N, C-alpha and C. Protein backbone atom coordinates (compact mmCIF):
# COMPACT_ATOMS: atom_id res chain seq x y z
N THR A 1 47.67 100.70 52.36
CA THR A 1 48.02 101.03 50.71
C THR A 1 48.37 100.11 50.13
N GLY A 2 48.77 101.01 48.77
CA GLY A 2 49.28 99.97 47.70
C GLY A 2 50.90 100.10 47.97
N ILE A 3 51.58 100.74 48.36
CA ILE A 3 53.33 101.14 48.83
C ILE A 3 53.44 100.44 49.92
N GLY A 4 52.09 100.21 50.68
CA GLY A 4 52.75 99.37 51.92
C GLY A 4 52.65 97.82 51.95
N LEU A 5 51.40 97.48 50.93
CA LEU A 5 51.36 96.04 50.41
C LEU A 5 52.39 95.51 49.32
N GLY A 6 53.00 96.33 48.74
CA GLY A 6 53.96 96.38 47.98
C GLY A 6 55.36 95.90 48.85
N ALA A 7 55.42 97.20 49.84
CA ALA A 7 56.72 96.86 50.72
C ALA A 7 56.83 95.17 51.55
N PHE A 8 55.14 94.86 51.70
CA PHE A 8 54.94 93.86 52.59
C PHE A 8 55.44 92.29 51.43
N ILE A 9 54.78 92.38 50.30
CA ILE A 9 54.97 91.46 49.45
C ILE A 9 56.39 91.46 49.02
N ALA A 10 57.31 92.58 49.31
CA ALA A 10 58.42 92.84 48.67
C ALA A 10 59.44 91.51 49.35
N PHE A 11 58.78 91.51 50.64
CA PHE A 11 59.65 90.25 51.58
C PHE A 11 59.61 88.71 50.76
N PHE A 12 59.12 88.62 50.03
CA PHE A 12 58.79 87.66 49.29
C PHE A 12 60.03 87.05 48.61
N ALA A 13 60.35 88.27 47.66
CA ALA A 13 61.48 88.46 46.87
C ALA A 13 62.92 87.94 47.59
N PHE A 14 62.98 88.27 48.58
CA PHE A 14 64.16 88.35 49.51
C PHE A 14 64.26 86.89 50.43
N ILE A 15 63.24 85.82 50.03
CA ILE A 15 63.61 84.66 50.73
C ILE A 15 64.70 84.03 50.25
N GLY A 16 65.40 83.13 50.76
CA GLY A 16 66.56 82.40 50.14
C GLY A 16 67.84 82.49 51.10
N PHE A 17 68.38 83.91 51.07
CA PHE A 17 69.39 84.22 51.69
C PHE A 17 70.00 83.85 52.97
N GLU A 18 68.64 83.77 53.89
CA GLU A 18 69.24 83.33 55.14
C GLU A 18 69.51 81.97 54.92
N ASP A 19 69.29 81.28 53.65
CA ASP A 19 69.38 79.80 53.71
C ASP A 19 70.80 79.58 53.51
N MET A 20 71.68 80.39 52.97
CA MET A 20 73.15 79.96 52.76
C MET A 20 73.80 79.41 54.30
N VAL A 21 73.18 79.94 55.13
CA VAL A 21 73.89 79.23 56.45
C VAL A 21 73.60 77.62 56.59
N ASN A 22 72.71 77.03 55.72
CA ASN A 22 72.31 75.96 56.04
C ASN A 22 73.26 74.97 55.45
N VAL A 23 74.54 75.71 54.63
CA VAL A 23 75.34 74.86 53.89
C VAL A 23 76.37 75.50 54.87
N ALA A 24 76.70 75.85 55.70
CA ALA A 24 78.01 76.93 56.48
C ALA A 24 79.18 75.68 56.38
N GLU A 25 78.88 74.70 56.84
CA GLU A 25 79.82 73.42 56.90
C GLU A 25 80.80 73.21 55.55
N GLU A 26 80.19 73.58 54.24
CA GLU A 26 80.90 73.59 53.42
C GLU A 26 81.85 74.58 52.78
N VAL A 27 81.74 75.68 54.16
CA VAL A 27 82.53 76.78 53.06
C VAL A 27 83.82 76.94 54.17
N LYS A 28 84.63 77.43 53.50
CA LYS A 28 85.76 77.89 54.24
C LYS A 28 85.87 78.96 55.01
N ASN A 29 86.38 78.88 56.09
CA ASN A 29 86.22 80.13 57.10
C ASN A 29 84.93 80.40 57.34
N PRO A 30 83.60 80.04 57.66
CA PRO A 30 82.60 80.56 57.23
C PRO A 30 82.47 81.45 58.45
N ALA A 31 82.93 81.84 59.55
CA ALA A 31 82.71 83.04 60.47
C ALA A 31 82.87 84.10 59.62
N ARG A 32 83.82 84.19 58.64
CA ARG A 32 84.21 85.18 58.22
C ARG A 32 83.48 85.39 56.59
N ASN A 33 83.47 84.27 55.72
CA ASN A 33 82.92 84.41 54.52
C ASN A 33 81.21 84.19 54.66
N MET A 34 80.71 83.85 55.48
CA MET A 34 79.22 83.45 55.23
C MET A 34 78.87 84.53 55.64
N PRO A 35 79.00 85.65 56.41
CA PRO A 35 77.94 87.05 56.68
C PRO A 35 78.45 87.85 55.35
N ALA A 36 80.05 87.96 54.74
CA ALA A 36 80.21 88.55 53.70
C ALA A 36 79.33 88.29 52.57
N ALA A 37 79.28 86.86 52.21
CA ALA A 37 78.41 86.20 51.15
C ALA A 37 77.10 87.24 50.82
N ILE A 38 76.18 86.49 52.42
CA ILE A 38 75.11 87.12 52.24
C ILE A 38 74.92 88.62 52.13
N LEU A 39 75.84 89.57 52.85
CA LEU A 39 75.45 90.63 52.80
C LEU A 39 75.88 90.92 51.37
N LEU A 40 76.51 90.46 50.64
CA LEU A 40 76.88 90.60 49.36
C LEU A 40 76.05 90.16 48.28
N ALA A 41 75.48 89.13 48.65
CA ALA A 41 74.07 88.54 47.98
C ALA A 41 72.83 89.87 48.07
N LEU A 42 72.81 90.09 49.03
CA LEU A 42 71.85 91.13 49.16
C LEU A 42 71.84 92.78 48.43
N VAL A 43 72.79 92.81 48.74
CA VAL A 43 73.47 94.14 47.96
C VAL A 43 73.09 94.40 46.44
N ILE A 44 73.25 92.96 45.78
CA ILE A 44 73.50 92.43 44.40
C ILE A 44 72.17 92.41 44.05
N ALA A 45 71.03 91.68 44.84
CA ALA A 45 70.09 91.32 44.69
C ALA A 45 69.13 92.68 44.30
N THR A 46 69.41 93.19 45.41
CA THR A 46 68.93 94.82 45.92
C THR A 46 68.79 95.63 44.58
N GLY A 47 70.20 95.78 44.19
CA GLY A 47 70.40 96.52 42.86
C GLY A 47 69.48 95.95 41.70
N MET A 48 69.70 94.67 41.53
CA MET A 48 68.99 94.11 40.39
C MET A 48 67.12 94.55 40.46
N TYR A 49 66.80 94.35 41.55
CA TYR A 49 65.59 94.45 41.43
C TYR A 49 65.21 96.32 41.43
N ALA A 50 65.83 96.72 41.94
CA ALA A 50 65.74 98.19 41.43
C ALA A 50 65.71 98.70 40.42
N SER A 51 67.03 97.97 39.64
CA SER A 51 67.09 98.30 38.50
C SER A 51 66.07 97.95 37.52
N VAL A 52 65.40 96.72 37.81
CA VAL A 52 64.53 96.45 37.27
C VAL A 52 63.09 97.30 37.05
N SER A 53 62.65 97.17 38.27
CA SER A 53 61.80 98.31 38.85
C SER A 53 62.05 99.53 38.03
N VAL A 54 63.24 100.32 37.83
CA VAL A 54 63.25 101.69 37.33
C VAL A 54 63.12 101.68 36.00
N VAL A 55 63.55 100.32 35.23
CA VAL A 55 63.11 100.66 33.60
C VAL A 55 61.63 100.34 33.64
N ALA A 56 61.12 99.38 34.26
CA ALA A 56 59.83 99.38 34.10
C ALA A 56 58.78 100.49 34.28
N VAL A 57 59.45 101.57 35.40
CA VAL A 57 58.43 102.55 35.60
C VAL A 57 58.63 103.51 34.53
N LEU A 58 59.84 103.68 34.03
CA LEU A 58 60.52 104.62 32.86
C LEU A 58 59.69 104.27 31.46
N ALA A 59 59.61 102.84 31.42
CA ALA A 59 59.47 102.35 30.14
C ALA A 59 57.84 102.21 29.96
N LEU A 60 56.81 102.27 30.88
CA LEU A 60 55.08 102.44 30.41
C LEU A 60 54.86 103.04 31.60
N PRO A 61 53.73 103.59 31.62
CA PRO A 61 52.91 104.60 32.62
C PRO A 61 52.67 103.43 33.51
N VAL A 62 52.40 103.85 34.90
CA VAL A 62 52.27 103.34 36.28
C VAL A 62 50.84 102.81 35.96
N GLU A 63 50.21 103.33 35.56
CA GLU A 63 48.80 102.71 35.36
C GLU A 63 48.58 101.42 34.25
N GLN A 64 49.20 101.81 33.57
CA GLN A 64 49.35 100.38 32.52
C GLN A 64 50.33 99.28 33.23
N LEU A 65 51.21 99.40 34.08
CA LEU A 65 51.81 98.64 34.88
C LEU A 65 50.58 97.99 35.85
N SER A 66 50.29 98.49 36.44
CA SER A 66 49.46 98.25 37.37
C SER A 66 48.18 97.25 36.73
N ALA A 67 48.20 97.65 35.61
CA ALA A 67 46.63 96.92 35.30
C ALA A 67 47.09 95.33 34.65
N SER A 68 48.27 95.59 34.43
CA SER A 68 49.16 94.29 33.44
C SER A 68 49.11 93.00 34.53
N THR A 69 48.89 91.95 33.96
CA THR A 69 48.72 90.73 34.80
C THR A 69 50.42 90.06 34.39
N ALA A 70 51.12 90.40 33.19
CA ALA A 70 52.69 89.94 32.92
C ALA A 70 53.48 91.50 32.59
N PRO A 71 53.26 92.32 33.83
CA PRO A 71 54.14 93.86 33.57
C PRO A 71 55.50 93.35 32.82
N LEU A 72 56.44 92.38 33.22
CA LEU A 72 57.75 92.37 32.76
C LEU A 72 57.62 92.07 31.27
N THR A 73 56.79 91.45 31.06
CA THR A 73 56.70 91.02 29.60
C THR A 73 56.07 91.96 28.50
N ASP A 74 55.07 93.09 29.35
CA ASP A 74 55.19 94.13 28.60
C ASP A 74 56.04 95.20 28.29
N VAL A 75 56.86 95.02 29.27
CA VAL A 75 57.91 96.12 28.92
C VAL A 75 58.99 95.94 28.23
N LEU A 76 59.11 94.09 28.30
CA LEU A 76 60.21 93.69 27.15
C LEU A 76 59.37 93.86 25.47
N ALA A 77 58.13 93.94 25.73
CA ALA A 77 57.83 93.55 24.41
C ALA A 77 57.54 95.49 23.97
N GLN A 78 57.68 96.36 25.03
CA GLN A 78 57.81 97.80 24.45
C GLN A 78 59.28 98.04 24.27
N LEU A 79 60.37 97.50 25.17
CA LEU A 79 61.34 97.95 24.81
C LEU A 79 62.29 97.22 23.80
N ALA A 80 61.91 96.15 23.42
CA ALA A 80 62.69 95.15 22.96
C ALA A 80 61.94 94.53 21.36
N ASN A 81 60.91 94.58 21.56
CA ASN A 81 60.09 94.25 20.48
C ASN A 81 60.04 92.34 20.63
N TYR A 82 60.66 91.76 21.82
CA TYR A 82 61.21 90.15 21.78
C TYR A 82 59.37 89.89 21.85
N ASP A 83 59.87 88.45 21.65
CA ASP A 83 58.43 87.40 21.56
C ASP A 83 58.03 87.18 23.02
N PRO A 84 56.81 87.55 23.73
CA PRO A 84 56.78 87.47 24.88
C PRO A 84 56.87 86.30 25.96
N ARG A 85 56.97 85.24 24.88
CA ARG A 85 57.46 83.52 25.30
C ARG A 85 58.78 83.53 25.77
N TYR A 86 59.75 84.31 25.96
CA TYR A 86 60.98 84.23 26.19
C TYR A 86 61.07 84.68 27.14
N ILE A 87 60.36 85.90 27.72
CA ILE A 87 60.55 86.14 29.39
C ILE A 87 59.49 85.39 29.73
N SER A 88 58.33 84.55 29.95
CA SER A 88 57.73 83.71 30.37
C SER A 88 58.55 82.30 30.51
N ALA A 89 59.61 81.92 29.41
CA ALA A 89 60.13 80.65 29.80
C ALA A 89 61.40 81.33 30.92
N ILE A 90 61.95 82.40 30.83
CA ILE A 90 62.98 82.52 31.86
C ILE A 90 62.10 82.75 33.38
N SER A 91 61.00 83.17 33.34
CA SER A 91 60.24 83.23 34.55
C SER A 91 60.17 82.01 35.12
N MET A 92 59.44 81.15 34.26
CA MET A 92 59.34 79.99 35.01
C MET A 92 60.47 78.85 35.39
N MET A 93 61.70 79.03 34.65
CA MET A 93 62.85 78.71 34.93
C MET A 93 63.16 78.91 36.14
N ALA A 94 63.21 80.35 36.44
CA ALA A 94 63.68 81.31 37.67
C ALA A 94 62.94 80.77 38.99
N ILE A 95 61.56 80.43 38.64
CA ILE A 95 60.43 79.87 39.78
C ILE A 95 60.94 78.39 40.04
N ILE A 96 61.28 77.62 39.01
CA ILE A 96 61.35 76.38 39.27
C ILE A 96 62.86 76.07 40.06
N ASN A 97 63.88 77.08 39.90
CA ASN A 97 64.88 76.76 40.36
C ASN A 97 64.74 76.90 41.94
N GLY A 98 64.13 78.69 42.07
CA GLY A 98 64.05 78.96 43.40
C GLY A 98 63.38 77.83 44.21
N ALA A 99 62.41 77.22 43.77
CA ALA A 99 61.72 76.19 44.48
C ALA A 99 62.56 74.66 44.45
N LEU A 100 63.57 74.56 43.75
CA LEU A 100 64.51 73.37 44.09
C LEU A 100 65.19 73.71 45.37
N ILE A 101 65.51 75.18 45.11
CA ILE A 101 66.44 75.67 46.38
C ILE A 101 65.79 75.47 47.93
N GLN A 102 64.81 75.74 47.52
CA GLN A 102 63.99 76.07 48.79
C GLN A 102 63.59 74.53 49.03
N MET A 103 63.46 73.69 47.98
CA MET A 103 63.17 72.41 48.79
C MET A 103 64.60 71.75 49.24
N VAL A 104 65.60 71.91 49.02
CA VAL A 104 67.02 71.36 49.04
C VAL A 104 67.21 71.83 50.84
N MET A 105 67.00 73.42 50.41
CA MET A 105 67.31 73.78 51.93
C MET A 105 66.26 73.53 53.19
N ALA A 106 65.05 73.45 52.77
CA ALA A 106 64.00 72.85 54.08
C ALA A 106 64.06 71.80 54.20
N SER A 107 64.58 70.87 53.51
CA SER A 107 64.90 69.60 54.00
C SER A 107 65.98 69.22 54.67
N ARG A 108 67.18 70.22 54.53
CA ARG A 108 68.31 69.89 55.41
C ARG A 108 67.54 70.64 56.67
N LEU A 109 66.57 71.47 56.65
CA LEU A 109 66.58 72.01 57.81
C LEU A 109 65.66 71.03 58.95
N LEU A 110 64.99 70.55 58.20
CA LEU A 110 64.09 69.24 58.65
C LEU A 110 64.92 68.10 59.37
N TYR A 111 66.06 67.68 58.75
CA TYR A 111 67.07 66.83 58.80
C TYR A 111 67.75 67.09 59.90
N GLY A 112 68.19 68.59 60.17
CA GLY A 112 68.91 68.82 61.38
C GLY A 112 68.15 68.94 62.41
N MET A 113 67.22 69.13 62.63
CA MET A 113 66.23 69.52 63.59
C MET A 113 65.70 67.92 64.08
N ALA A 114 65.43 67.00 63.12
CA ALA A 114 65.08 65.66 63.50
C ALA A 114 66.60 65.13 63.98
N LYS A 115 67.75 65.49 64.00
CA LYS A 115 69.03 64.60 64.68
C LYS A 115 69.32 65.40 65.75
N LYS A 116 68.66 66.42 66.03
CA LYS A 116 68.69 67.06 67.39
C LYS A 116 67.22 66.15 68.11
N GLY A 117 66.78 65.77 67.50
CA GLY A 117 65.36 65.05 68.52
C GLY A 117 64.11 65.76 68.52
N TRP A 118 64.20 66.89 68.02
CA TRP A 118 63.19 68.10 67.81
C TRP A 118 61.83 67.67 66.69
N LEU A 119 62.42 66.71 66.14
CA LEU A 119 61.36 66.33 65.34
C LEU A 119 61.64 64.50 64.76
N PRO A 120 60.41 63.68 64.64
CA PRO A 120 60.46 62.42 64.45
C PRO A 120 61.83 62.04 63.42
N GLY A 121 62.60 61.09 64.29
CA GLY A 121 63.72 60.55 63.75
C GLY A 121 63.85 60.33 62.38
N THR A 122 62.76 59.43 61.73
CA THR A 122 62.45 59.31 60.41
C THR A 122 62.94 60.00 59.41
N LEU A 123 62.89 61.55 59.56
CA LEU A 123 63.24 62.53 59.06
C LEU A 123 64.90 62.77 59.02
N ALA A 124 65.51 62.13 59.72
CA ALA A 124 67.37 62.27 59.81
C ALA A 124 67.71 60.80 59.09
N ARG A 125 66.85 60.06 58.65
CA ARG A 125 67.39 59.00 57.70
C ARG A 125 67.98 59.53 56.26
N VAL A 126 69.03 59.15 55.90
CA VAL A 126 69.81 59.76 55.08
C VAL A 126 69.88 58.29 53.83
N ASN A 127 69.59 58.59 52.53
CA ASN A 127 69.98 57.65 51.34
C ASN A 127 71.27 57.13 51.78
N ALA A 128 71.53 55.44 51.95
CA ALA A 128 72.94 55.13 51.61
C ALA A 128 73.88 55.59 50.61
N LYS A 129 73.59 55.67 49.31
CA LYS A 129 74.21 55.88 48.33
C LYS A 129 74.20 57.33 47.96
N THR A 130 73.27 58.42 47.81
CA THR A 130 73.51 59.64 47.81
C THR A 130 73.60 60.41 49.07
N ARG A 131 73.05 59.92 50.16
CA ARG A 131 73.63 60.58 51.80
C ARG A 131 72.90 61.95 51.83
N THR A 132 71.85 61.52 51.17
CA THR A 132 70.48 62.67 50.93
C THR A 132 69.14 62.73 52.02
N PRO A 133 69.21 63.59 52.58
CA PRO A 133 67.99 62.87 53.73
C PRO A 133 66.15 62.97 52.39
N VAL A 134 66.38 61.77 52.29
CA VAL A 134 65.14 61.79 51.10
C VAL A 134 63.56 61.74 52.27
N ASN A 135 63.45 61.14 52.90
CA ASN A 135 62.08 61.42 53.72
C ASN A 135 61.79 63.00 53.98
N ALA A 136 63.21 63.53 54.62
CA ALA A 136 62.73 65.12 54.56
C ALA A 136 62.35 65.50 53.48
N THR A 137 62.76 65.12 52.31
CA THR A 137 62.88 65.83 50.87
C THR A 137 61.56 65.49 50.42
N LEU A 138 60.76 64.72 50.69
CA LEU A 138 59.67 63.81 50.21
C LEU A 138 58.67 65.21 50.75
N ILE A 139 59.05 64.84 52.23
CA ILE A 139 57.73 65.70 53.19
C ILE A 139 57.90 67.14 52.39
N VAL A 140 59.11 67.56 52.29
CA VAL A 140 59.12 69.34 51.75
C VAL A 140 58.26 69.29 50.31
N ILE A 141 58.63 68.06 49.37
CA ILE A 141 58.08 68.41 47.88
C ILE A 141 56.43 68.06 48.20
N GLY A 142 55.89 67.11 49.29
CA GLY A 142 54.72 67.40 49.36
C GLY A 142 53.66 68.28 49.51
N ILE A 143 54.51 69.09 50.83
CA ILE A 143 54.01 70.32 51.00
C ILE A 143 53.92 71.34 50.28
N ILE A 144 54.86 71.59 49.00
CA ILE A 144 54.75 72.85 48.33
C ILE A 144 53.99 72.15 47.05
N LEU A 145 53.83 71.26 46.90
CA LEU A 145 53.06 70.83 45.81
C LEU A 145 51.64 71.05 45.84
N THR A 146 51.41 70.49 47.32
CA THR A 146 49.68 71.17 47.75
C THR A 146 49.33 72.29 48.13
N LEU A 147 50.64 73.12 48.06
CA LEU A 147 50.27 74.46 48.49
C LEU A 147 50.25 75.49 46.62
N ALA A 148 51.16 75.02 45.89
CA ALA A 148 51.30 75.55 45.00
C ALA A 148 49.82 74.89 43.84
N LEU A 149 49.36 73.87 44.39
CA LEU A 149 48.32 73.24 43.23
C LEU A 149 46.86 74.19 43.77
N TRP A 150 46.87 74.16 45.27
CA TRP A 150 45.32 75.00 45.63
C TRP A 150 45.30 76.32 45.73
N LEU A 151 46.49 76.93 45.88
CA LEU A 151 46.59 78.56 46.28
C LEU A 151 47.15 79.44 45.52
N PRO A 152 46.28 80.30 44.93
CA PRO A 152 46.96 81.78 43.81
C PRO A 152 48.35 81.79 44.39
N ILE A 153 49.09 82.34 43.51
CA ILE A 153 50.50 82.94 43.44
C ILE A 153 50.42 83.83 44.85
N GLN A 154 49.40 84.78 44.65
CA GLN A 154 49.36 86.17 45.44
C GLN A 154 48.95 85.73 46.93
N THR A 155 48.35 84.73 47.03
CA THR A 155 48.38 84.45 48.48
C THR A 155 49.38 83.69 49.15
N LEU A 156 49.82 82.95 48.11
CA LEU A 156 51.40 82.16 48.97
C LEU A 156 52.19 83.34 48.63
N ALA A 157 52.63 84.60 48.11
CA ALA A 157 53.38 85.42 48.62
C ALA A 157 52.99 85.95 49.81
N ILE A 158 51.58 86.33 50.04
CA ILE A 158 51.64 87.17 51.31
C ILE A 158 51.45 86.38 52.47
N ALA A 159 51.24 84.68 52.27
CA ALA A 159 51.37 83.77 53.81
C ALA A 159 52.79 83.99 53.83
N THR A 160 53.64 83.71 53.11
CA THR A 160 55.24 83.54 53.23
C THR A 160 55.99 84.85 53.54
N SER A 161 55.16 85.89 53.11
CA SER A 161 55.95 87.56 53.45
C SER A 161 55.40 87.18 55.34
N TYR A 162 54.40 86.87 55.66
CA TYR A 162 53.80 86.77 56.82
C TYR A 162 54.90 85.80 58.04
N ILE A 163 55.06 84.40 56.84
CA ILE A 163 55.63 83.54 57.96
C ILE A 163 57.39 84.06 57.96
N VAL A 164 57.45 84.82 56.67
CA VAL A 164 59.54 85.18 57.11
C VAL A 164 58.99 86.40 57.82
N LEU A 165 58.54 87.47 58.18
CA LEU A 165 58.60 88.27 58.79
C LEU A 165 58.28 87.85 60.66
N VAL A 166 57.67 86.81 60.54
CA VAL A 166 57.58 86.64 62.06
C VAL A 166 58.91 86.01 62.02
N VAL A 167 59.46 84.96 61.56
CA VAL A 167 61.07 84.30 61.45
C VAL A 167 62.17 85.24 62.14
N PHE A 168 62.04 86.55 61.12
CA PHE A 168 62.86 87.46 60.96
C PHE A 168 62.82 87.92 62.37
N SER A 169 61.48 88.24 63.02
CA SER A 169 60.91 88.74 63.79
C SER A 169 61.45 87.92 65.47
N MET A 170 61.54 86.66 64.82
CA MET A 170 62.01 85.92 66.21
C MET A 170 63.69 85.93 66.23
N VAL A 171 64.36 85.87 64.85
CA VAL A 171 65.73 85.82 65.04
C VAL A 171 66.23 86.59 65.79
N ASN A 172 66.09 88.04 65.31
CA ASN A 172 66.26 89.09 66.26
C ASN A 172 66.09 89.34 67.30
N ALA A 173 64.97 88.81 67.61
CA ALA A 173 64.57 89.14 69.34
C ALA A 173 65.42 88.10 69.91
N ALA A 174 66.09 86.70 69.41
CA ALA A 174 66.66 86.08 69.75
C ALA A 174 68.36 86.28 69.96
N LEU A 175 68.58 87.12 68.89
CA LEU A 175 70.19 87.70 68.91
C LEU A 175 70.13 88.61 69.59
N PHE A 176 69.05 89.33 70.08
CA PHE A 176 69.11 90.92 70.69
C PHE A 176 69.05 90.34 72.06
N ALA A 177 68.39 88.77 72.99
CA ALA A 177 68.28 88.66 74.03
C ALA A 177 69.43 88.24 74.13
N LEU A 178 70.67 87.23 73.26
CA LEU A 178 71.79 87.15 73.60
C LEU A 178 73.04 88.00 73.74
N ARG A 179 72.92 89.04 73.11
CA ARG A 179 73.74 89.96 73.03
C ARG A 179 73.67 90.63 74.82
N LEU A 180 72.42 90.55 75.05
CA LEU A 180 72.34 91.47 76.35
C LEU A 180 72.75 90.55 77.83
N ARG A 181 72.74 88.96 77.22
CA ARG A 181 73.06 88.00 78.00
C ARG A 181 74.34 87.90 78.01
N GLU A 182 75.35 87.86 76.84
CA GLU A 182 76.85 87.53 76.53
C GLU A 182 77.56 88.06 76.09
N GLY A 183 76.60 89.70 75.91
CA GLY A 183 77.81 90.57 75.44
C GLY A 183 78.15 90.34 73.81
N ARG A 184 78.92 91.20 73.81
CA ARG A 184 79.36 91.15 72.06
C ARG A 184 80.37 89.79 71.71
N ALA A 185 80.06 89.17 70.79
CA ALA A 185 81.23 87.98 70.72
C ALA A 185 82.81 88.54 70.36
N THR A 186 83.66 87.70 70.86
CA THR A 186 85.17 88.30 70.66
C THR A 186 85.56 87.36 69.36
N GLU A 187 84.99 86.62 68.41
CA GLU A 187 85.30 86.16 67.81
C GLU A 187 84.21 85.68 66.43
N GLY A 188 84.70 86.11 65.15
CA GLY A 188 83.66 85.90 64.00
C GLY A 188 82.97 87.34 63.90
N TRP A 189 82.11 87.28 63.21
CA TRP A 189 81.46 88.28 62.94
C TRP A 189 80.43 88.80 64.32
N SER A 190 80.51 89.88 64.36
CA SER A 190 79.62 90.53 65.23
C SER A 190 78.76 91.79 65.07
N VAL A 191 77.68 92.30 65.13
CA VAL A 191 77.41 93.67 64.36
C VAL A 191 76.72 94.24 66.30
N PRO A 192 76.32 95.56 66.10
CA PRO A 192 76.26 96.55 67.20
C PRO A 192 74.61 95.78 67.68
N ILE A 193 74.44 96.42 69.17
CA ILE A 193 73.32 95.62 69.57
C ILE A 193 72.16 96.05 68.75
N TRP A 194 72.15 97.68 68.67
CA TRP A 194 71.21 98.15 67.73
C TRP A 194 70.51 97.40 66.42
N VAL A 195 71.21 96.60 65.71
CA VAL A 195 71.25 96.20 64.39
C VAL A 195 69.79 95.04 64.62
N PRO A 196 69.97 94.31 65.64
CA PRO A 196 68.74 92.98 65.95
C PRO A 196 67.62 93.76 66.36
N LEU A 197 67.74 94.74 67.12
CA LEU A 197 66.85 95.49 68.04
C LEU A 197 65.77 96.44 66.56
N PHE A 198 66.73 96.77 65.61
CA PHE A 198 65.99 97.39 64.49
C PHE A 198 65.43 96.31 63.71
N GLY A 199 65.87 95.45 63.80
CA GLY A 199 65.26 94.39 62.86
C GLY A 199 64.02 93.97 63.53
N LEU A 200 63.90 93.28 64.74
CA LEU A 200 62.56 93.05 65.34
C LEU A 200 61.96 94.33 65.36
N VAL A 201 62.09 95.32 65.53
CA VAL A 201 60.94 96.43 65.51
C VAL A 201 60.52 96.91 63.83
N PHE A 202 61.46 96.84 62.89
CA PHE A 202 61.06 96.83 61.64
C PHE A 202 60.24 95.58 61.22
N SER A 203 60.56 94.49 61.61
CA SER A 203 59.50 93.52 61.06
C SER A 203 58.09 93.24 61.98
N ALA A 204 58.19 93.75 62.95
CA ALA A 204 57.31 93.42 64.10
C ALA A 204 55.98 94.28 63.45
N SER A 205 56.48 95.90 62.96
CA SER A 205 55.88 96.91 62.61
C SER A 205 55.12 96.66 61.60
N LEU A 206 56.04 95.85 60.28
CA LEU A 206 55.61 95.66 58.78
C LEU A 206 54.53 94.55 59.27
N ILE A 207 54.23 93.74 60.21
CA ILE A 207 53.71 92.63 60.72
C ILE A 207 52.09 93.15 60.91
N ILE A 208 52.64 94.05 61.50
CA ILE A 208 51.31 95.02 62.46
C ILE A 208 50.59 95.90 61.43
N PHE A 209 51.25 96.67 60.79
CA PHE A 209 50.92 97.15 59.75
C PHE A 209 49.94 96.51 58.43
N GLU A 210 50.08 95.31 58.15
CA GLU A 210 49.62 94.76 57.09
C GLU A 210 48.19 94.08 57.87
N LEU A 211 48.46 93.70 59.03
CA LEU A 211 47.11 93.02 59.99
C LEU A 211 46.07 94.37 60.17
N MET A 212 46.43 95.48 60.26
CA MET A 212 45.53 96.83 60.73
C MET A 212 44.72 96.94 59.32
N GLN A 213 45.81 96.41 58.23
CA GLN A 213 45.03 97.11 56.94
C GLN A 213 43.67 95.91 56.63
N HIS A 214 43.46 94.70 57.42
CA HIS A 214 42.40 93.77 57.04
C HIS A 214 41.71 94.19 58.17
């Protein structure tokens, strides 16, 4: 259904919050502040997404929104009579900013895995001046450019949603297994055991639901 597909693709909009953990070493008291920051960012972003959706539905008929190739541009033109190029420019800046953040985080992920010996050591090399993982960054940029130039945005969004849901399922399964084996943590942030179980079931259910539609 359209609602199911929308819920599935919506995970594409929530990519990035988990990337905060990659800079945990630069945060004061990360055991306390990092979980709170992730939850706060999720709440704020969800509120903003919901607000934009409500405004869009109230501004234009659903049929017009679903048929539009640029619904937010149509909403802005309807409500404020602004030049559509403004929203297009803002959208492009947001997309570029998101891509840059993912490049930084993905390269740090490859760098960390290479340092542990899970990936080729060349990915762990850092620039002598900037102290950044240049090789890992170049690999990530190459992958992103290849995908962006060859695949439509909707295909990328769906594929990314699949990947994110698989990762979420694996992380929740790992946390659930750790809680069963080691019990609740005595330090830092800890959640009830039903939280990772719910996350695992919910993520896996969305994957199965979407696969059944095809």
